[in-house]
Protein backbone atom coordinates (compact mmCIF):
# COMPACT_ATOMS: atom_id res chain seq x y z
CA UNK A 1 0.00 0.00 0.00
CA UNK A 2 1.05 3.58 -0.58
CA UNK A 3 2.02 5.73 2.39
CA UNK A 4 -0.16 8.79 1.83
CA UNK A 5 0.80 10.68 4.97
CA UNK A 6 3.54 9.97 7.49
CA UNK A 7 4.80 12.08 10.38
CA UNK A 8 7.62 10.94 12.63
CA UNK A 9 8.37 12.44 16.04
CA UNK A 10 7.03 15.78 14.84
CA UNK A 11 7.47 18.66 17.26
CA UNK A 12 6.67 22.35 17.02
CA UNK A 13 7.45 24.66 19.92
CA UNK A 14 6.24 28.26 20.11
CA UNK A 15 7.64 30.86 22.50
CA UNK A 16 4.96 33.12 23.94
CA UNK A 17 5.10 36.14 26.22
CA UNK A 18 7.78 38.68 27.03
CA UNK A 19 11.48 37.91 27.35
CA UNK A 20 11.28 37.77 31.15
CA UNK A 21 8.07 35.72 31.26
CA UNK A 22 8.41 33.62 28.16
CA UNK A 23 6.44 30.37 28.03
CA UNK A 24 7.08 27.45 25.70
CA UNK A 25 4.04 25.86 24.08
CA UNK A 26 4.39 22.42 22.54
CA UNK A 27 1.91 22.99 19.74
CA UNK A 28 2.95 19.62 18.29
CA UNK A 29 4.41 17.13 20.72
CA UNK A 30 5.79 13.88 19.27
CA UNK A 31 3.14 13.45 16.58
CA UNK A 32 3.45 10.08 14.85
CA UNK A 33 0.84 9.43 12.19
CA UNK A 34 0.83 6.97 9.29
CA UNK A 35 -1.95 6.63 6.72
CA UNK A 36 -1.63 3.93 4.08
CA UNK A 37 -3.99 3.12 1.22
CA UNK A 38 -3.92 2.09 -2.43
CA UNK A 39 -6.81 4.48 -3.12
CA UNK A 40 -7.15 8.21 -2.43
CA UNK A 41 -8.57 8.89 1.03
CA UNK A 42 -9.95 11.70 3.15
CA UNK A 43 -8.17 12.04 6.48
CA UNK A 44 -9.79 14.25 9.11
CA UNK A 45 -7.95 15.97 11.95
CA UNK A 46 -10.46 16.78 14.68
CA UNK A 47 -10.26 18.40 18.10
CA UNK A 48 -10.97 21.59 20.00
CA UNK A 49 -9.30 24.90 19.27
CA UNK A 50 -5.70 24.71 20.41
CA UNK A 51 -5.39 20.99 19.76
CA UNK A 52 -2.68 21.43 17.13
CA UNK A 53 -4.70 20.68 13.99
CA UNK A 54 -3.86 23.88 12.15
CA UNK A 55 -0.23 23.80 13.27
CA UNK A 56 0.12 20.32 11.79
CA UNK A 57 -1.45 21.57 8.56
CA UNK A 58 0.94 24.55 8.47
CA UNK A 59 3.94 22.28 8.92
CA UNK A 60 2.84 20.04 6.05
CA UNK A 61 2.15 23.13 3.92
CA UNK A 62 5.63 24.43 4.76
CA UNK A 63 4.21 27.65 6.21
CA UNK A 64 6.10 26.99 9.45
CA UNK A 65 9.15 24.83 10.10
CA UNK A 66 8.91 22.03 12.66
CA UNK A 67 11.19 22.22 15.68
CA UNK A 68 12.14 18.60 15.06
CA UNK A 69 10.88 15.50 13.31
CA UNK A 70 9.61 15.17 9.76
CA UNK A 71 6.49 14.92 7.61
CA UNK A 72 6.13 12.96 4.37
CA UNK A 73 3.52 12.95 1.61
CA UNK A 74 3.52 9.89 -0.68
CA UNK A 75 7.03 8.93 0.49
CA UNK A 76 8.42 12.42 -0.23
CA UNK A 77 9.71 14.49 2.69
CA UNK A 78 7.91 17.84 2.73
CA UNK A 79 8.94 19.17 6.15
CA UNK A 80 11.74 18.60 8.61
CA UNK A 81 14.97 16.68 8.10
CA UNK A 82 15.54 15.15 4.67
CA UNK A 83 15.78 16.05 0.98
CA UNK A 84 12.72 18.16 0.22
CA UNK A 85 11.34 19.00 -3.24
CA UNK A 86 11.74 22.49 -4.64
CA UNK A 87 8.83 24.86 -4.19
CA UNK A 88 7.32 24.44 -7.64
CA UNK A 89 7.55 20.64 -7.51
CA UNK A 90 6.07 20.70 -4.01
CA UNK A 91 3.07 22.79 -5.13
CA UNK A 92 2.41 20.36 -7.96
CA UNK A 93 1.93 17.64 -5.33
CA UNK A 94 0.41 19.48 -2.36
CA UNK A 95 -2.19 22.25 -2.53
CA UNK A 96 -3.98 24.22 0.20
CA UNK A 97 -7.56 25.37 0.72
CA UNK A 98 -7.82 27.92 3.51
CA UNK A 99 -10.58 28.72 5.97
CA UNK A 100 -11.56 32.19 4.80
CA UNK A 101 -11.77 32.48 1.01
CA UNK A 102 -11.91 36.29 1.19
CA UNK A 103 -8.49 36.33 2.86
CA UNK A 104 -7.04 33.94 0.28
CA UNK A 105 -7.58 36.46 -2.55
CA UNK A 106 -6.40 40.05 -2.75
CA UNK A 107 -9.15 42.57 -3.44
CA UNK A 108 -6.77 44.26 -5.94
CA UNK A 109 -6.36 41.20 -8.18
CA UNK A 110 -8.89 39.45 -10.35
CA UNK A 111 -9.75 35.94 -9.26
CA UNK A 112 -8.74 34.39 -12.58
CA UNK A 113 -5.21 35.78 -12.20
CA UNK A 114 -4.71 33.33 -9.32
CA UNK A 115 -5.89 30.49 -11.53
CA UNK A 116 -3.48 31.60 -14.25
CA UNK A 117 -0.55 31.70 -11.83
CA UNK A 118 -1.24 28.11 -10.80
CA UNK A 119 -1.76 26.93 -14.38
CA UNK A 120 1.20 28.71 -15.98
CA UNK A 121 3.80 28.93 -13.23
CA UNK A 122 3.11 25.92 -11.02
CA UNK A 123 1.91 23.48 -13.67
CA UNK A 124 4.08 24.99 -16.43
CA UNK A 125 1.31 24.82 -19.03
CA UNK A 126 1.20 26.85 -22.22
CA UNK A 127 -1.65 29.28 -22.87
CA UNK A 128 -3.96 26.84 -24.62
CA UNK A 129 -3.46 23.96 -22.18
CA UNK A 130 -3.58 26.32 -19.20
CA UNK A 131 -6.97 27.74 -20.18
CA UNK A 132 -8.25 24.20 -20.76
CA UNK A 133 -7.02 23.17 -17.30
CA UNK A 134 -8.72 26.18 -15.70
CA UNK A 135 -11.97 25.49 -17.53
CA UNK A 136 -11.89 21.84 -16.50
CA UNK A 137 -11.15 22.62 -12.84
CA UNK A 138 -13.88 25.27 -12.67
CA UNK A 139 -16.38 22.95 -14.35
CA UNK A 140 -15.65 20.29 -11.73
CA UNK A 141 -16.81 22.70 -9.00
CA UNK A 142 -19.85 23.92 -10.94
CA UNK A 143 -18.44 27.18 -12.33
CA UNK A 144 -17.62 28.51 -15.80
CA UNK A 145 -14.41 30.26 -16.78
CA UNK A 146 -16.39 32.94 -18.60
CA UNK A 147 -18.27 33.76 -15.38
CA UNK A 148 -15.04 34.08 -13.39
CA UNK A 149 -12.74 35.86 -15.82
CA UNK A 150 -12.01 39.50 -15.03
CA UNK A 151 -13.96 39.55 -11.76
CA UNK A 152 -12.72 40.54 -8.31
CA UNK A 153 -13.30 38.67 -5.03
CA UNK A 154 -16.01 41.05 -3.83
CA UNK A 155 -18.12 40.04 -6.82
CA UNK A 156 -18.54 36.52 -5.46
CA UNK A 157 -20.34 35.01 -2.50
CA UNK A 158 -18.31 33.14 0.10
CA UNK A 159 -19.46 29.79 -1.25
CA UNK A 160 -18.58 30.72 -4.83
CA UNK A 161 -15.17 32.03 -3.83
CA UNK A 162 -14.42 28.86 -1.89
CA UNK A 163 -15.30 26.87 -5.02
CA UNK A 164 -12.79 28.98 -6.95
CA UNK A 165 -10.21 28.15 -4.26
CA UNK A 166 -10.92 24.47 -4.73
CA UNK A 167 -10.67 24.81 -8.52
CA UNK A 168 -7.31 26.58 -8.21
CA UNK A 169 -6.04 23.75 -6.01
CA UNK A 170 -7.17 21.16 -8.56
CA UNK A 171 -5.35 22.64 -11.57
CA UNK A 172 -1.99 20.87 -10.91
CA UNK A 173 -3.78 17.57 -10.13
CA UNK A 174 -2.10 17.37 -6.71
CA UNK A 175 -1.66 14.15 -4.79
CA UNK A 176 -3.18 15.69 -1.66
CA UNK A 177 -5.13 18.84 -0.76
CA UNK A 178 -4.81 20.29 2.75
CA UNK A 179 -8.18 21.85 3.63
CA UNK A 180 -8.11 23.85 6.88
CA UNK A 181 -11.68 24.41 8.16
CA UNK A 182 -12.86 24.94 4.56
CA UNK A 183 -16.58 25.25 5.37
CA UNK A 184 -16.54 27.13 8.67
CA UNK A 185 -16.93 30.54 6.96
CA UNK A 186 -19.69 29.37 4.60
CA UNK A 187 -23.44 29.49 5.23
CA UNK A 188 -24.71 26.31 6.84
CA UNK A 189 -27.06 25.71 3.91
CA UNK A 190 -24.07 25.48 1.53
CA UNK A 191 -21.63 23.49 3.65
CA UNK A 192 -22.77 20.07 2.51
CA UNK A 193 -22.35 21.16 -1.10
CA UNK A 194 -18.63 21.66 -0.47
CA UNK A 195 -18.37 18.45 1.56
CA UNK A 196 -20.05 16.42 -1.20
CA UNK A 197 -17.77 18.11 -3.70
CA UNK A 198 -14.71 16.80 -1.84
CA UNK A 199 -16.11 13.28 -2.03
CA UNK A 200 -16.65 13.48 -5.77
CA UNK A 201 -13.24 15.09 -6.39
CA UNK A 202 -11.53 12.31 -4.44
CA UNK A 203 -12.85 9.88 -7.04
CA UNK A 204 -12.69 12.04 -10.16
CA UNK A 205 -9.22 13.52 -9.58
CA UNK A 206 -7.80 10.64 -7.52
CA UNK A 207 -6.77 13.23 -4.94
CA UNK A 208 -6.51 12.64 -1.21
CA UNK A 209 -7.61 15.27 1.31
CA UNK A 210 -6.38 16.22 4.77
CA UNK A 211 -9.50 17.80 6.22
CA UNK A 212 -8.99 19.90 9.36
CA UNK A 213 -12.18 20.52 11.31
CA UNK A 214 -13.83 20.73 14.71
CA UNK A 215 -17.13 19.59 13.17
CA UNK A 216 -17.51 15.91 14.01
CA UNK A 217 -20.69 15.57 11.94
CA UNK A 218 -18.99 16.46 8.65
CA UNK A 219 -15.90 14.48 9.67
CA UNK A 220 -18.05 11.38 10.17
CA UNK A 221 -19.76 11.90 6.83
CA UNK A 222 -16.69 12.55 4.72
CA UNK A 223 -13.75 10.71 6.27
CA UNK A 224 -12.00 7.44 5.63
CA UNK A 225 -9.63 7.98 8.57
CA UNK A 226 -9.82 10.24 11.62
CA UNK A 227 -7.07 11.47 13.94
CA UNK A 228 -8.26 13.04 17.19
CA UNK A 229 -5.86 15.64 18.60
CA UNK A 230 -5.52 17.12 22.08
CA UNK A 231 -2.93 19.68 23.20
CA UNK A 232 -0.56 18.92 20.35
CA UNK A 233 -0.80 15.13 20.52
CA UNK A 234 -2.70 12.40 18.71
CA UNK A 235 -4.95 10.61 21.23
CA UNK A 236 -6.84 8.30 18.86
CA UNK A 237 -6.45 7.38 15.20
CA UNK A 238 -8.15 4.88 12.96
CA UNK A 239 -10.91 4.30 10.45
CA UNK A 240 -13.54 6.98 10.78
CA UNK A 241 -16.60 4.83 11.40
CA UNK A 242 -14.91 2.87 14.15
CA UNK A 243 -13.49 5.90 15.96
CA UNK A 244 -16.73 7.88 15.96
CA UNK A 245 -19.17 5.05 16.63
CA UNK A 246 -17.09 3.27 19.27
CA UNK A 247 -14.56 5.76 20.72
CA UNK A 248 -11.87 4.22 22.91
CA UNK A 249 -10.11 7.30 24.30
CA UNK A 250 -11.82 9.30 27.08
CA UNK A 251 -11.26 12.56 25.18
CA UNK A 252 -12.88 11.21 22.01
CA UNK A 253 -15.87 10.15 24.09
CA UNK A 254 -16.02 13.61 25.63
CA UNK A 255 -16.01 15.26 22.20
CA UNK A 256 -18.89 13.09 21.03
CA UNK A 257 -20.87 13.71 24.21
CA UNK A 258 -20.52 17.47 23.68
CA UNK A 259 -22.52 17.33 20.43
CA UNK A 260 -26.08 18.59 21.03
CA UNK A 261 -28.77 15.95 20.44
CA UNK A 262 -32.53 16.23 20.06
CA UNK A 263 -32.85 13.05 22.13
CA UNK A 264 -31.43 14.57 25.32
CA UNK A 265 -31.03 17.90 27.06
CA UNK A 266 -27.63 19.39 26.33
CA UNK A 267 -25.68 20.70 29.30
CA UNK A 268 -22.35 22.36 28.86
CA UNK A 269 -19.67 20.40 30.62
CA UNK A 270 -16.93 22.48 32.15
CA UNK A 271 -14.45 19.75 31.25
CA UNK A 272 -15.22 20.11 27.56
CA UNK A 273 -15.54 23.88 27.35
CA UNK A 274 -12.92 25.23 29.74
CA UNK A 275 -10.23 27.65 28.62
CA UNK A 276 -6.94 26.40 27.25
CA UNK A 277 -4.39 25.98 30.02
CA UNK A 278 -0.84 26.47 28.83
CA UNK A 279 0.56 24.12 31.46
CA UNK A 280 -1.21 21.18 29.82
CA UNK A 281 1.00 21.60 26.76
CA UNK A 282 4.05 20.99 28.94
CA UNK A 283 2.81 17.90 30.76
CA UNK A 284 5.32 15.05 30.65
CA UNK A 285 2.73 12.31 31.15
CA UNK A 286 -0.75 12.26 29.64
CA UNK A 287 -1.86 15.76 28.68
CA UNK A 288 -5.49 14.87 29.28
CA UNK A 289 -4.99 13.62 32.83
CA UNK A 290 -6.40 16.69 34.62
CA UNK A 291 -9.74 16.16 32.87
CA UNK A 292 -9.83 12.40 32.56
CA UNK A 293 -12.18 10.33 34.75
CA UNK A 294 -9.82 7.34 34.47
CA UNK A 295 -6.58 9.13 35.47
CA UNK A 296 -4.23 7.45 37.94
CA UNK A 297 -0.67 8.08 39.08
CA UNK A 298 0.85 6.44 36.01
CA UNK A 299 -0.77 9.18 33.89
CA UNK A 300 1.32 11.79 35.74
CA UNK A 301 4.53 9.88 35.22
CA UNK A 302 4.44 8.28 31.77
CA UNK A 303 3.33 9.35 28.33
CA UNK A 304 0.81 6.74 27.15
CA UNK A 305 2.09 4.67 24.23
CA UNK A 306 -0.05 3.75 21.23
CA UNK A 307 -2.25 0.76 22.00
CA UNK A 308 -3.18 -0.97 18.74
CA UNK A 309 -6.72 -2.37 18.87
CA UNK A 310 -8.02 -5.39 16.89
CA UNK A 311 -9.57 -3.06 14.27
CA UNK A 312 -6.17 -1.43 13.69
CA UNK A 313 -6.85 1.87 15.42
CA UNK A 314 -4.28 3.46 17.71
CA UNK A 315 -5.35 4.68 21.15
CA UNK A 316 -2.93 6.65 23.30
CA UNK A 317 -4.24 5.75 26.75
CA UNK A 318 -2.83 3.63 29.57
CA UNK A 319 -6.25 2.06 30.05
CA UNK A 320 -7.10 1.36 26.42
């Protein structure tokens, strides 16, 4: 099977505060993740704000350098130690879709100029082939080149502009698209349109997706694999249906219990909604121990190793 995504001992440390009161935050703390498949897949990273999802995406997108460790896409090192591809080659294999489409485009440039940059500079296509590639990519997201050409971002709705972002990412036929909260800024009525689009593009373009979200409902619907993150660590990883229908880690269970249901009264749990505590990022044992109903002394002393379950999932808990 192909190794679609692999991270090894990936760390990212941020320094916060003034020089005299500087605090180190382990935004990524020994992240080891391996996804293998012969077919394109959708991998979801889920967790609360501050869990490290976006930092992991930024490392893979080469927007920030890891403090140590490495990340690989289809057996090619893209971040950390190792021989990395040049920028143009990298962009032909890995493409981003960002959270806010209005921030992804300058108000002083026409939208089609971004498509042209990807077609001509990244893909290296001539004029005729480049226009054909743009037309094909736009058609795949339900848009026409004639309707996009010469227009500025403020002439589109958020949903339309996000579709243009997706089309731009598709032009080089990348091996994987990193989508960071791609539907959070879009009207709820249009979100499933984008989610269904990802599913069809996975098949039509044979492109994998790394889908970063805090929305467990869309993650359940769209994903082949799910990695649950907490305070910079992976706490549970496996096939999506198994993880979300039969969670094995206490934090995964807590996330699922926090989803409002029409079958029961929803009460906010302080454990699930409390503010981020910087000290948790520096815990040497289990980072979830202060909030875990199963915690014992071993959780203070030792980082839980990955326990591999019969269905192949990995659970980072001493009591898994």
